[in-house]
Amino acid sequence: MRILDDVRAWRAAKVARRTGSRVQRDDSGLTYFDSDQSSALRLTWLEVTDVFAFKKDCYAVDSIHLILGNSERKVWVEVAEDDAGYPELIAALPRNLPGCPTEDEWFPSVTLPPLETRWTRLYPRFDTSTATTTPDES
């Protein structure tokens, strides 16, 4: 799946995660602030084309991460479960991205089995007027 390969490549090239990041969401979209709050990235809900979830092994515990973005513009935001605003973002996804599952629906597939990274595509936006089949979820 090309989009997942692009997201993985972006993630691999990203510098080590900094602490203190936060995400704010509102009715029109989300804003991600980096750890020093010096820069912000804004995505409207209409701009979000993909949402992925994965589990990161942190030795004694696992950390759940979301990557949201626009695959056409190659703009991505990574939000970790310990970032401020994460619970509010998780709750807002199904309300603002039609077809996006609730946390109860996707959490087990991301977290199980233990010690294995499970990339899970939560939301693919595609043009239904030209689509003849559903997107590949693998």
N, C-alpha and C. Protein backbone atom coordinates (compact mmCIF):
# COMPACT_ATOMS: atom_id res chain seq x y z
N MET A 1 0.86 -1.17 0.00
CA MET A 1 0.00 0.00 0.00
C MET A 1 0.90 1.24 0.00
N ARG A 2 0.85 2.01 -1.05
CA ARG A 2 1.75 3.15 -1.26
C ARG A 2 1.66 4.19 -0.15
N ILE A 3 0.47 4.56 0.28
CA ILE A 3 0.34 5.60 1.29
C ILE A 3 0.99 5.18 2.60
N LEU A 4 0.84 3.93 2.98
CA LEU A 4 1.46 3.47 4.22
C LEU A 4 2.98 3.49 4.08
N ASP A 5 3.51 3.14 2.92
CA ASP A 5 4.95 3.23 2.68
C ASP A 5 5.43 4.67 2.81
N ASP A 6 4.66 5.62 2.26
CA ASP A 6 5.02 7.04 2.37
C ASP A 6 5.03 7.50 3.82
N VAL A 7 4.02 7.08 4.58
CA VAL A 7 3.95 7.48 5.99
C VAL A 7 5.10 6.86 6.77
N ARG A 8 5.39 5.60 6.51
CA ARG A 8 6.52 4.95 7.20
C ARG A 8 7.83 5.65 6.88
N ALA A 9 8.03 6.03 5.64
CA ALA A 9 9.26 6.72 5.25
C ALA A 9 9.35 8.08 5.94
N TRP A 10 8.22 8.80 6.00
CA TRP A 10 8.21 10.07 6.70
C TRP A 10 8.56 9.87 8.17
N ARG A 11 7.96 8.87 8.77
CA ARG A 11 8.19 8.58 10.19
C ARG A 11 9.64 8.20 10.44
N ALA A 12 10.22 7.39 9.57
CA ALA A 12 11.61 6.97 9.73
C ALA A 12 12.56 8.15 9.61
N ALA A 13 12.24 9.12 8.77
CA ALA A 13 13.10 10.28 8.56
C ALA A 13 12.93 11.34 9.64
N LYS A 14 11.88 11.23 10.42
CA LYS A 14 11.59 12.23 11.44
C LYS A 14 12.63 12.17 12.57
N VAL A 15 12.99 13.29 13.07
CA VAL A 15 13.94 13.36 14.18
C VAL A 15 13.29 12.77 15.43
N ALA A 16 14.11 12.35 16.39
CA ALA A 16 13.59 11.76 17.62
C ALA A 16 12.52 12.65 18.23
N ARG A 17 11.48 12.02 18.70
CA ARG A 17 10.32 12.71 19.25
C ARG A 17 10.69 13.58 20.44
N ARG A 18 10.18 14.80 20.45
CA ARG A 18 10.43 15.73 21.55
C ARG A 18 9.23 15.73 22.49
N THR A 19 9.48 15.88 23.77
CA THR A 19 8.38 15.90 24.74
C THR A 19 7.77 17.29 24.83
N GLY A 20 6.58 17.38 25.33
CA GLY A 20 5.90 18.65 25.50
C GLY A 20 5.03 19.06 24.34
N SER A 21 4.85 18.19 23.38
CA SER A 21 3.99 18.50 22.24
C SER A 21 2.54 18.49 22.68
N ARG A 22 1.71 19.18 21.91
CA ARG A 22 0.28 19.17 22.21
C ARG A 22 -0.52 19.33 20.94
N VAL A 23 -1.75 18.88 21.00
CA VAL A 23 -2.66 19.01 19.88
C VAL A 23 -3.95 19.63 20.40
N GLN A 24 -4.49 20.56 19.64
CA GLN A 24 -5.78 21.15 19.96
C GLN A 24 -6.72 20.85 18.80
N ARG A 25 -7.94 20.55 19.12
CA ARG A 25 -8.91 20.30 18.07
C ARG A 25 -10.10 21.22 18.29
N ASP A 26 -10.76 21.52 17.19
CA ASP A 26 -11.98 22.31 17.25
C ASP A 26 -12.92 21.79 16.16
N ASP A 27 -14.01 22.48 15.94
CA ASP A 27 -15.00 22.01 14.96
C ASP A 27 -14.48 21.99 13.53
N SER A 28 -13.46 22.80 13.23
CA SER A 28 -12.98 22.85 11.85
C SER A 28 -11.72 22.04 11.60
N GLY A 29 -11.02 21.60 12.65
CA GLY A 29 -9.81 20.81 12.44
C GLY A 29 -8.95 20.68 13.68
N LEU A 30 -7.65 20.49 13.43
CA LEU A 30 -6.72 20.31 14.54
C LEU A 30 -5.47 21.14 14.30
N THR A 31 -4.83 21.54 15.40
CA THR A 31 -3.57 22.26 15.35
C THR A 31 -2.59 21.53 16.24
N TYR A 32 -1.42 21.22 15.68
CA TYR A 32 -0.38 20.51 16.41
C TYR A 32 0.75 21.49 16.72
N PHE A 33 1.14 21.56 17.98
CA PHE A 33 2.23 22.42 18.44
C PHE A 33 3.40 21.54 18.84
N ASP A 34 4.60 21.88 18.36
CA ASP A 34 5.77 21.09 18.75
C ASP A 34 6.15 21.40 20.19
N SER A 35 7.17 20.75 20.69
CA SER A 35 7.50 20.81 22.12
C SER A 35 7.86 22.20 22.61
N ASP A 36 8.48 23.01 21.78
CA ASP A 36 8.83 24.36 22.26
C ASP A 36 7.76 25.39 21.91
N GLN A 37 6.66 24.93 21.34
CA GLN A 37 5.50 25.76 21.00
C GLN A 37 5.85 26.85 19.99
N SER A 38 7.01 26.72 19.31
CA SER A 38 7.44 27.75 18.36
C SER A 38 6.78 27.60 16.99
N SER A 39 6.32 26.42 16.69
CA SER A 39 5.67 26.24 15.40
C SER A 39 4.41 25.41 15.56
N ALA A 40 3.48 25.65 14.66
CA ALA A 40 2.21 24.95 14.69
C ALA A 40 1.86 24.50 13.28
N LEU A 41 1.19 23.37 13.21
CA LEU A 41 0.72 22.86 11.93
C LEU A 41 -0.78 22.69 12.03
N ARG A 42 -1.50 23.29 11.11
CA ARG A 42 -2.96 23.26 11.11
C ARG A 42 -3.46 22.37 9.98
N LEU A 43 -4.39 21.49 10.29
CA LEU A 43 -5.09 20.68 9.30
C LEU A 43 -6.59 20.81 9.57
N THR A 44 -7.36 21.15 8.56
CA THR A 44 -8.80 21.13 8.73
C THR A 44 -9.26 19.68 8.58
N TRP A 45 -10.43 19.38 9.08
CA TRP A 45 -10.94 18.01 8.96
C TRP A 45 -11.08 17.62 7.49
N LEU A 46 -11.44 18.59 6.64
CA LEU A 46 -11.58 18.30 5.21
C LEU A 46 -10.24 18.00 4.54
N GLU A 47 -9.15 18.49 5.11
CA GLU A 47 -7.82 18.23 4.55
C GLU A 47 -7.27 16.87 4.94
N VAL A 48 -7.77 16.29 6.01
CA VAL A 48 -7.25 15.00 6.49
C VAL A 48 -7.68 13.91 5.51
N THR A 49 -6.70 13.27 4.89
CA THR A 49 -7.00 12.18 3.95
C THR A 49 -6.72 10.81 4.55
N ASP A 50 -5.90 10.75 5.58
CA ASP A 50 -5.54 9.46 6.18
C ASP A 50 -5.26 9.61 7.67
N VAL A 51 -5.61 8.55 8.41
CA VAL A 51 -5.27 8.45 9.82
C VAL A 51 -4.75 7.04 10.05
N PHE A 52 -3.57 6.94 10.65
CA PHE A 52 -2.98 5.66 11.00
C PHE A 52 -2.74 5.63 12.51
N ALA A 53 -2.81 4.45 13.08
CA ALA A 53 -2.45 4.25 14.48
C ALA A 53 -1.40 3.16 14.53
N PHE A 54 -0.49 3.28 15.49
CA PHE A 54 0.49 2.23 15.70
C PHE A 54 0.96 2.25 17.14
N LYS A 55 1.55 1.15 17.54
CA LYS A 55 2.06 1.00 18.90
C LYS A 55 3.57 1.06 18.84
N LYS A 56 4.16 1.85 19.72
CA LYS A 56 5.61 1.96 19.81
C LYS A 56 6.06 1.28 21.09
N ASP A 57 6.97 0.33 20.97
CA ASP A 57 7.50 -0.39 22.12
C ASP A 57 8.47 0.51 22.88
N CYS A 58 8.15 0.81 24.12
CA CYS A 58 8.99 1.67 24.96
C CYS A 58 9.51 0.87 26.16
N TYR A 59 10.01 -0.32 25.89
CA TYR A 59 10.58 -1.23 26.87
C TYR A 59 9.53 -1.75 27.85
N ALA A 60 9.28 -1.05 28.95
CA ALA A 60 8.35 -1.56 29.96
C ALA A 60 6.89 -1.31 29.59
N VAL A 61 6.64 -0.31 28.78
CA VAL A 61 5.27 0.02 28.37
C VAL A 61 5.25 0.28 26.87
N ASP A 62 4.08 0.29 26.32
CA ASP A 62 3.89 0.66 24.93
C ASP A 62 3.27 2.04 24.86
N SER A 63 3.51 2.72 23.77
CA SER A 63 2.93 4.04 23.55
C SER A 63 2.14 4.00 22.24
N ILE A 64 0.90 4.45 22.30
CA ILE A 64 0.05 4.49 21.12
C ILE A 64 0.25 5.84 20.43
N HIS A 65 0.42 5.79 19.13
CA HIS A 65 0.63 6.99 18.33
C HIS A 65 -0.37 7.03 17.19
N LEU A 66 -0.76 8.24 16.82
CA LEU A 66 -1.58 8.47 15.64
C LEU A 66 -0.78 9.31 14.67
N ILE A 67 -0.95 9.03 13.40
CA ILE A 67 -0.41 9.89 12.36
C ILE A 67 -1.60 10.30 11.49
N LEU A 68 -1.82 11.61 11.41
CA LEU A 68 -2.90 12.17 10.62
C LEU A 68 -2.28 13.06 9.56
N GLY A 69 -2.89 13.09 8.41
CA GLY A 69 -2.34 13.99 7.42
C GLY A 69 -3.05 14.01 6.11
N ASN A 70 -2.41 14.71 5.20
CA ASN A 70 -2.90 14.86 3.85
C ASN A 70 -1.89 14.23 2.92
N SER A 71 -2.25 13.10 2.34
CA SER A 71 -1.31 12.34 1.52
C SER A 71 -0.97 13.06 0.23
N GLU A 72 -1.85 13.90 -0.28
CA GLU A 72 -1.57 14.63 -1.51
C GLU A 72 -0.53 15.72 -1.28
N ARG A 73 -0.63 16.41 -0.16
CA ARG A 73 0.33 17.48 0.17
C ARG A 73 1.55 16.94 0.92
N LYS A 74 1.48 15.68 1.34
CA LYS A 74 2.53 15.05 2.15
C LYS A 74 2.80 15.85 3.43
N VAL A 75 1.71 16.20 4.10
CA VAL A 75 1.76 16.91 5.37
C VAL A 75 1.26 15.94 6.43
N TRP A 76 2.09 15.66 7.44
CA TRP A 76 1.75 14.67 8.45
C TRP A 76 1.97 15.22 9.84
N VAL A 77 1.13 14.77 10.76
CA VAL A 77 1.23 15.12 12.17
C VAL A 77 1.24 13.83 12.96
N GLU A 78 2.19 13.69 13.86
CA GLU A 78 2.23 12.52 14.75
C GLU A 78 1.86 12.96 16.15
N VAL A 79 0.88 12.29 16.73
CA VAL A 79 0.41 12.61 18.07
C VAL A 79 0.55 11.35 18.92
N ALA A 80 1.23 11.47 20.05
CA ALA A 80 1.41 10.34 20.97
C ALA A 80 0.39 10.44 22.09
N GLU A 81 0.11 9.29 22.70
CA GLU A 81 -0.91 9.27 23.74
C GLU A 81 -0.55 10.12 24.95
N ASP A 82 0.74 10.46 25.12
CA ASP A 82 1.11 11.30 26.25
C ASP A 82 1.16 12.79 25.87
N ASP A 83 0.83 13.13 24.63
CA ASP A 83 0.74 14.54 24.24
C ASP A 83 -0.55 15.15 24.80
N ALA A 84 -0.44 16.39 25.22
CA ALA A 84 -1.62 17.10 25.70
C ALA A 84 -2.64 17.18 24.57
N GLY A 85 -3.89 16.92 24.88
CA GLY A 85 -4.97 17.00 23.90
C GLY A 85 -5.28 15.70 23.19
N TYR A 86 -4.47 14.65 23.43
CA TYR A 86 -4.68 13.36 22.76
C TYR A 86 -6.08 12.78 23.02
N PRO A 87 -6.55 12.71 24.27
CA PRO A 87 -7.89 12.11 24.50
C PRO A 87 -9.00 12.86 23.76
N GLU A 88 -8.91 14.18 23.72
CA GLU A 88 -9.93 14.96 23.03
C GLU A 88 -9.88 14.72 21.52
N LEU A 89 -8.67 14.57 20.98
CA LEU A 89 -8.52 14.27 19.55
C LEU A 89 -9.12 12.92 19.22
N ILE A 90 -8.82 11.91 20.03
CA ILE A 90 -9.35 10.56 19.81
C ILE A 90 -10.88 10.57 19.79
N ALA A 91 -11.47 11.30 20.72
CA ALA A 91 -12.93 11.37 20.79
C ALA A 91 -13.51 12.12 19.59
N ALA A 92 -12.76 13.07 19.04
CA ALA A 92 -13.26 13.89 17.93
C ALA A 92 -13.17 13.20 16.58
N LEU A 93 -12.29 12.24 16.42
CA LEU A 93 -12.09 11.62 15.11
C LEU A 93 -13.37 11.05 14.50
N PRO A 94 -14.11 10.19 15.19
CA PRO A 94 -15.33 9.63 14.56
C PRO A 94 -16.40 10.69 14.27
N ARG A 95 -16.43 11.75 15.07
CA ARG A 95 -17.43 12.80 14.86
C ARG A 95 -17.10 13.66 13.64
N ASN A 96 -15.81 13.79 13.32
CA ASN A 96 -15.41 14.71 12.27
C ASN A 96 -14.90 14.05 10.99
N LEU A 97 -14.60 12.76 11.06
CA LEU A 97 -14.14 12.01 9.90
C LEU A 97 -15.10 10.85 9.69
N PRO A 98 -16.09 11.01 8.84
CA PRO A 98 -17.11 9.97 8.65
C PRO A 98 -16.49 8.62 8.29
N GLY A 99 -16.85 7.61 9.05
CA GLY A 99 -16.32 6.27 8.82
C GLY A 99 -15.13 5.92 9.69
N CYS A 100 -14.56 6.90 10.37
CA CYS A 100 -13.43 6.62 11.27
C CYS A 100 -13.97 5.91 12.50
N PRO A 101 -13.36 4.78 12.88
CA PRO A 101 -13.86 4.03 14.03
C PRO A 101 -13.59 4.73 15.35
N THR A 102 -14.33 4.33 16.37
CA THR A 102 -14.09 4.83 17.71
C THR A 102 -12.87 4.12 18.29
N GLU A 103 -12.32 4.67 19.36
CA GLU A 103 -11.16 4.05 20.00
C GLU A 103 -11.45 2.61 20.43
N ASP A 104 -12.64 2.35 20.93
CA ASP A 104 -13.01 0.99 21.34
C ASP A 104 -12.94 0.02 20.17
N GLU A 105 -13.20 0.51 18.97
CA GLU A 105 -13.19 -0.36 17.79
C GLU A 105 -11.79 -0.64 17.26
N TRP A 106 -10.85 0.32 17.37
CA TRP A 106 -9.53 0.10 16.79
C TRP A 106 -8.44 -0.24 17.80
N PHE A 107 -8.61 0.10 19.04
CA PHE A 107 -7.54 -0.07 20.03
C PHE A 107 -7.01 -1.51 20.13
N PRO A 108 -7.87 -2.53 20.20
CA PRO A 108 -7.34 -3.90 20.30
C PRO A 108 -6.47 -4.31 19.11
N SER A 109 -6.84 -3.89 17.91
CA SER A 109 -6.06 -4.30 16.74
C SER A 109 -4.69 -3.61 16.70
N VAL A 110 -4.55 -2.48 17.37
CA VAL A 110 -3.27 -1.78 17.41
C VAL A 110 -2.39 -2.32 18.54
N THR A 111 -2.99 -2.70 19.65
CA THR A 111 -2.21 -3.08 20.83
C THR A 111 -1.89 -4.56 20.93
N LEU A 112 -2.61 -5.39 20.21
CA LEU A 112 -2.38 -6.83 20.31
C LEU A 112 -1.85 -7.38 18.99
N PRO A 113 -0.92 -8.27 19.01
CA PRO A 113 -0.27 -8.89 20.15
C PRO A 113 0.81 -7.98 20.74
N PRO A 114 1.20 -8.25 21.98
CA PRO A 114 2.25 -7.46 22.63
C PRO A 114 3.56 -7.57 21.86
N LEU A 115 4.39 -6.56 22.01
CA LEU A 115 5.75 -6.52 21.45
C LEU A 115 5.79 -6.54 19.93
N GLU A 116 4.69 -6.23 19.29
CA GLU A 116 4.64 -6.20 17.83
C GLU A 116 4.03 -4.87 17.39
N THR A 117 4.73 -4.15 16.52
CA THR A 117 4.17 -2.91 15.99
C THR A 117 3.09 -3.24 14.99
N ARG A 118 1.93 -2.69 15.20
CA ARG A 118 0.78 -2.97 14.33
C ARG A 118 0.30 -1.67 13.71
N TRP A 119 0.76 -1.36 12.50
CA TRP A 119 0.24 -0.21 11.77
C TRP A 119 -1.19 -0.52 11.36
N THR A 120 -2.10 0.37 11.71
CA THR A 120 -3.50 0.17 11.39
C THR A 120 -4.03 1.44 10.75
N ARG A 121 -4.59 1.29 9.57
CA ARG A 121 -5.18 2.45 8.89
C ARG A 121 -6.59 2.62 9.42
N LEU A 122 -6.81 3.74 10.12
CA LEU A 122 -8.11 4.01 10.73
C LEU A 122 -9.04 4.73 9.78
N TYR A 123 -8.47 5.55 8.91
CA TYR A 123 -9.33 6.38 8.08
C TYR A 123 -8.68 6.64 6.73
N PRO A 124 -9.31 6.19 5.66
CA PRO A 124 -8.87 6.59 4.33
C PRO A 124 -9.97 7.43 3.67
N ARG A 125 -9.63 8.63 3.28
CA ARG A 125 -10.59 9.44 2.52
C ARG A 125 -10.32 9.19 1.04
N PHE A 126 -11.32 8.87 0.32
CA PHE A 126 -11.16 8.67 -1.11
C PHE A 126 -12.40 9.18 -1.82
N ASP A 127 -12.26 9.46 -3.08
CA ASP A 127 -13.35 10.01 -3.88
C ASP A 127 -14.30 8.89 -4.24
N THR A 128 -15.48 8.88 -3.63
CA THR A 128 -16.44 7.80 -3.87
C THR A 128 -17.06 7.87 -5.26
N SER A 129 -16.92 9.00 -5.92
CA SER A 129 -17.52 9.10 -7.25
C SER A 129 -16.71 8.31 -8.29
N THR A 130 -15.41 8.07 -8.00
CA THR A 130 -14.59 7.32 -8.95
C THR A 130 -14.16 5.97 -8.40
N ALA A 131 -14.41 5.71 -7.13
CA ALA A 131 -13.96 4.45 -6.52
C ALA A 131 -14.91 3.32 -6.89
N THR A 132 -14.33 2.19 -7.25
CA THR A 132 -15.16 1.03 -7.55
C THR A 132 -15.00 -0.05 -6.50
N THR A 133 -13.93 0.05 -5.73
CA THR A 133 -13.72 -0.90 -4.64
C THR A 133 -13.27 -0.13 -3.42
N THR A 134 -13.30 -0.78 -2.28
CA THR A 134 -12.85 -0.11 -1.06
C THR A 134 -11.32 -0.11 -1.04
N PRO A 135 -10.73 0.87 -0.36
CA PRO A 135 -9.27 0.94 -0.30
C PRO A 135 -8.70 -0.30 0.41
N ASP A 136 -7.49 -0.65 0.05
CA ASP A 136 -6.79 -1.76 0.68
C ASP A 136 -6.47 -1.40 2.11
N GLU A 137 -6.95 -2.16 3.05
CA GLU A 137 -6.77 -1.90 4.47
C GLU A 137 -5.56 -2.61 5.05
N SER A 138 -4.80 -3.34 4.26
CA SER A 138 -3.68 -4.11 4.81
C SER A 138 -2.50 -3.25 5.14
